Amino acid sequence: MPLLKIIHLSAVVVSFTLFFLRGIWLLSTSPIMQQRWVKIAPHSVDTVLLASAVGLAWQLGISPFDAPWLAAKIFALLVYIGLGLLAFRFARTRGMRLTAWLAALLTFAYIVATAVTHDSLLSL
C-alpha cells in the first residue's frame, strides 16, 4: 500500500476518533474540552487528512468533475464540517448538539461508504 494512502487512512481513523470523543466529552460537559490539545489536535489531523486526500486524487489523476463519487464525497465533507460547527460551536442546547453530532457521524459514515464503493448512490 502506498505511503500516501496509509497516511490518509490513518488520518481518517484519528480524525473520526477525535470527533467521536470530543462529542462524548461535549455532551457530558467534561472539563477535558477546555484543554488546549483538544482544540488544536483535530485541526492538525484534519489538515493532514485533507492534504493527503488532495495528494491521492492528484496522484491517481482523479477529478471531482470526472468522478461523481468524489464530488459527492466533497459535498458530504462540507455538510460534515457544517454539522460539526453546529455541534461544537453554534448549537445552544444539549439536544441540538446531540442531533448535529449524530447527523455528522452519519455523514461521516456516508463519506467512508462512498470512498470504499466509489458509488455515491449505492452508499446511501
C-alpha atoms as a PDB file:
ATOM      1  CA  MET A   1       0.000   0.000   0.000  1.00  0.00           C
ATOM      2  CA  PRO A   2       1.489   3.371  -0.961  1.00  0.00           C
ATOM      3  CA  LEU A   3       2.660   5.612   1.886  1.00  0.00           C
ATOM      4  CA  LEU A   4       0.267   8.438   0.998  1.00  0.00           C
ATOM      5  CA  LYS A   5      -2.720   6.077   1.252  1.00  0.00           C
ATOM      6  CA  ILE A   6      -1.504   4.811   4.639  1.00  0.00           C
ATOM      7  CA  ILE A   7      -1.179   8.400   5.847  1.00  0.00           C
ATOM      8  CA  HIS A   8      -4.667   9.217   4.557  1.00  0.00           C
ATOM      9  CA  LEU A   9      -6.334   6.161   6.114  1.00  0.00           C
ATOM     10  CA  SER A  10      -4.531   6.748   9.420  1.00  0.00           C
ATOM     11  CA  ALA A  11      -5.697  10.363   9.429  1.00  0.00           C
ATOM     12  CA  VAL A  12      -9.278   9.179   8.767  1.00  0.00           C
ATOM     13  CA  VAL A  13      -9.155   6.904  11.826  1.00  0.00           C
ATOM     14  CA  VAL A  14      -7.584   9.541  14.087  1.00  0.00           C
ATOM     15  CA  SER A  15      -9.937  12.267  12.834  1.00  0.00           C
ATOM     16  CA  PHE A  16     -13.011  10.117  13.462  1.00  0.00           C
ATOM     17  CA  THR A  17     -11.759   9.040  16.884  1.00  0.00           C
ATOM     18  CA  LEU A  18     -11.141  12.637  17.942  1.00  0.00           C
ATOM     19  CA  PHE A  19     -14.522  13.772  16.601  1.00  0.00           C
ATOM     20  CA  PHE A  20     -16.299  10.932  18.393  1.00  0.00           C
ATOM     21  CA  LEU A  21     -14.501  11.551  21.696  1.00  0.00           C
ATOM     22  CA  ARG A  22     -14.994  15.312  21.513  1.00  0.00           C
ATOM     23  CA  GLY A  23     -18.721  14.724  21.023  1.00  0.00           C
ATOM     24  CA  ILE A  24     -18.897  12.499  24.085  1.00  0.00           C
ATOM     25  CA  TRP A  25     -16.877  14.994  26.128  1.00  0.00           C
ATOM     26  CA  LEU A  26     -19.021  17.879  24.926  1.00  0.00           C
ATOM     27  CA  LEU A  27     -22.290  16.142  25.712  1.00  0.00           C
ATOM     28  CA  SER A  28     -21.064  15.110  29.154  1.00  0.00           C
ATOM     29  CA  THR A  29     -19.699  18.622  29.815  1.00  0.00           C
ATOM     30  CA  SER A  30     -16.267  17.179  30.531  1.00  0.00           C
ATOM     31  CA  PRO A  31     -13.563  19.680  31.512  1.00  0.00           C
ATOM     32  CA  ILE A  32     -11.236  17.943  29.044  1.00  0.00           C
ATOM     33  CA  MET A  33     -12.930  20.003  26.303  1.00  0.00           C
ATOM     34  CA  GLN A  34     -11.135  23.068  27.698  1.00  0.00           C
ATOM     35  CA  GLN A  35      -7.667  21.555  27.286  1.00  0.00           C
ATOM     36  CA  ARG A  36      -5.542  23.178  24.612  1.00  0.00           C
ATOM     37  CA  TRP A  37      -4.645  19.950  22.783  1.00  0.00           C
ATOM     38  CA  VAL A  38      -8.342  19.108  22.337  1.00  0.00           C
ATOM     39  CA  LYS A  39      -8.799  22.384  20.471  1.00  0.00           C
ATOM     40  CA  ILE A  40      -5.636  22.100  18.335  1.00  0.00           C
ATOM     41  CA  ALA A  41      -5.165  18.394  17.530  1.00  0.00           C
ATOM     42  CA  PRO A  42      -8.320  17.924  15.404  1.00  0.00           C
ATOM     43  CA  HIS A  43      -7.332  20.808  13.117  1.00  0.00           C
ATOM     44  CA  SER A  44      -3.826  19.398  12.665  1.00  0.00           C
ATOM     45  CA  VAL A  45      -5.114  15.917  11.898  1.00  0.00           C
ATOM     46  CA  ASP A  46      -7.760  17.235   9.515  1.00  0.00           C
ATOM     47  CA  THR A  47      -5.113  19.261   7.672  1.00  0.00           C
ATOM     48  CA  VAL A  48      -3.091  16.074   7.132  1.00  0.00           C
ATOM     49  CA  LEU A  49      -6.288  14.288   6.082  1.00  0.00           C
ATOM     50  CA  LEU A  50      -7.225  16.929   3.523  1.00  0.00           C
ATOM     51  CA  ALA A  51      -3.679  17.292   2.169  1.00  0.00           C
ATOM     52  CA  SER A  52      -3.324  13.534   1.745  1.00  0.00           C
ATOM     53  CA  ALA A  53      -6.736  13.369   0.019  1.00  0.00           C
ATOM     54  CA  VAL A  54      -5.721  16.053  -2.463  1.00  0.00           C
ATOM     55  CA  GLY A  55      -2.369  14.295  -2.960  1.00  0.00           C
ATOM     56  CA  LEU A  56      -4.043  10.949  -3.619  1.00  0.00           C
ATOM     57  CA  ALA A  57      -6.504  12.457  -6.084  1.00  0.00           C
ATOM     58  CA  TRP A  58      -3.652  14.186  -7.898  1.00  0.00           C
ATOM     59  CA  GLN A  59      -1.508  11.024  -7.922  1.00  0.00           C
ATOM     60  CA  LEU A  60      -4.369   8.952  -9.281  1.00  0.00           C
ATOM     61  CA  GLY A  61      -5.475  11.625 -11.734  1.00  0.00           C
ATOM     62  CA  ILE A  62      -8.985  11.725 -10.277  1.00  0.00           C
ATOM     63  CA  SER A  63     -11.074  14.880 -10.538  1.00  0.00           C
ATOM     64  CA  PRO A  64     -14.442  15.552  -8.907  1.00  0.00           C
ATOM     65  CA  PHE A  65     -15.594  16.701 -12.358  1.00  0.00           C
ATOM     66  CA  ASP A  66     -14.859  13.235 -13.780  1.00  0.00           C
ATOM     67  CA  ALA A  67     -15.748  11.095 -10.755  1.00  0.00           C
ATOM     68  CA  PRO A  68     -19.234  11.740  -9.342  1.00  0.00           C
ATOM     69  CA  TRP A  69     -18.435   9.697  -6.231  1.00  0.00           C
ATOM     70  CA  LEU A  70     -15.577  12.093  -5.421  1.00  0.00           C
ATOM     71  CA  ALA A  71     -17.823  15.124  -5.950  1.00  0.00           C
ATOM     72  CA  ALA A  72     -20.380  13.522  -3.599  1.00  0.00           C
ATOM     73  CA  LYS A  73     -17.649  12.939  -1.023  1.00  0.00           C
ATOM     74  CA  ILE A  74     -16.558  16.569  -1.190  1.00  0.00           C
ATOM     75  CA  PHE A  75     -20.144  17.796  -0.852  1.00  0.00           C
ATOM     76  CA  ALA A  76     -20.708  15.440   2.093  1.00  0.00           C
ATOM     77  CA  LEU A  77     -17.477  16.712   3.664  1.00  0.00           C
ATOM     78  CA  LEU A  78     -18.862  20.254   3.571  1.00  0.00           C
ATOM     79  CA  VAL A  79     -22.074  19.013   5.230  1.00  0.00           C
ATOM     80  CA  TYR A  80     -19.976  17.171   7.853  1.00  0.00           C
ATOM     81  CA  ILE A  81     -17.983  20.323   8.603  1.00  0.00           C
ATOM     82  CA  GLY A  82     -21.181  22.364   8.925  1.00  0.00           C
ATOM     83  CA  LEU A  83     -22.743  19.838  11.275  1.00  0.00           C
ATOM     84  CA  GLY A  84     -19.537  19.731  13.329  1.00  0.00           C
ATOM     85  CA  LEU A  85     -19.555  23.517  13.643  1.00  0.00           C
ATOM     86  CA  LEU A  86     -23.168  23.381  14.734  1.00  0.00           C
ATOM     87  CA  ALA A  87     -22.498  20.644  17.284  1.00  0.00           C
ATOM     88  CA  PHE A  88     -19.349  22.127  18.804  1.00  0.00           C
ATOM     89  CA  ARG A  89     -19.777  25.857  18.387  1.00  0.00           C
ATOM     90  CA  PHE A  90     -23.206  27.166  17.477  1.00  0.00           C
ATOM     91  CA  ALA A  91     -25.857  24.856  18.977  1.00  0.00           C
ATOM     92  CA  ARG A  92     -27.272  26.299  22.171  1.00  0.00           C
ATOM     93  CA  THR A  93     -28.985  23.269  23.686  1.00  0.00           C
ATOM     94  CA  ARG A  94     -27.748  19.786  24.505  1.00  0.00           C
ATOM     95  CA  GLY A  95     -30.445  18.328  22.247  1.00  0.00           C
ATOM     96  CA  MET A  96     -29.330  20.423  19.278  1.00  0.00           C
ATOM     97  CA  ARG A  97     -25.700  19.452  19.916  1.00  0.00           C
ATOM     98  CA  LEU A  98     -26.587  15.775  20.117  1.00  0.00           C
ATOM     99  CA  THR A  99     -28.667  15.908  16.935  1.00  0.00           C
ATOM    100  CA  ALA A 100     -25.944  17.731  14.979  1.00  0.00           C
ATOM    101  CA  TRP A 101     -23.245  15.374  16.306  1.00  0.00           C
ATOM    102  CA  LEU A 102     -25.243  12.254  15.386  1.00  0.00           C
ATOM    103  CA  ALA A 103     -26.030  13.672  11.929  1.00  0.00           C
ATOM    104  CA  ALA A 104     -22.319  14.403  11.468  1.00  0.00           C
ATOM    105  CA  LEU A 105     -21.467  10.803  12.414  1.00  0.00           C
ATOM    106  CA  LEU A 106     -23.962   9.516   9.832  1.00  0.00           C
ATOM    107  CA  THR A 107     -22.483  11.881   7.248  1.00  0.00           C
ATOM    108  CA  PHE A 108     -19.014  10.569   8.063  1.00  0.00           C
ATOM    109  CA  ALA A 109     -20.280   7.011   7.516  1.00  0.00           C
ATOM    110  CA  TYR A 110     -21.655   8.084   4.118  1.00  0.00           C
ATOM    111  CA  ILE A 111     -18.277   9.602   3.191  1.00  0.00           C
ATOM    112  CA  VAL A 112     -16.459   6.387   4.098  1.00  0.00           C
ATOM    113  CA  ALA A 113     -19.003   4.217   2.264  1.00  0.00           C
ATOM    114  CA  THR A 114     -18.690   6.403  -0.819  1.00  0.00           C
ATOM    115  CA  ALA A 115     -14.892   6.195  -0.649  1.00  0.00           C
ATOM    116  CA  VAL A 116     -14.987   2.403  -0.385  1.00  0.00           C
ATOM    117  CA  THR A 117     -17.607   1.759  -3.078  1.00  0.00           C
ATOM    118  CA  HIS A 118     -16.766   4.680  -5.388  1.00  0.00           C
ATOM    119  CA  ASP A 119     -20.513   4.957  -5.857  1.00  0.00           C
ATOM    120  CA  SER A 120     -22.346   7.856  -4.270  1.00  0.00           C
ATOM    121  CA  LEU A 121     -25.757   6.239  -4.774  1.00  0.00           C
ATOM    122  CA  LEU A 122     -25.020   2.726  -3.515  1.00  0.00           C
ATOM    123  CA  SER A 123     -23.524   4.049  -0.318  1.00  0.00           C
ATOM    124  CA  LEU A 124     -26.691   5.831   0.831  1.00  0.00           C
END
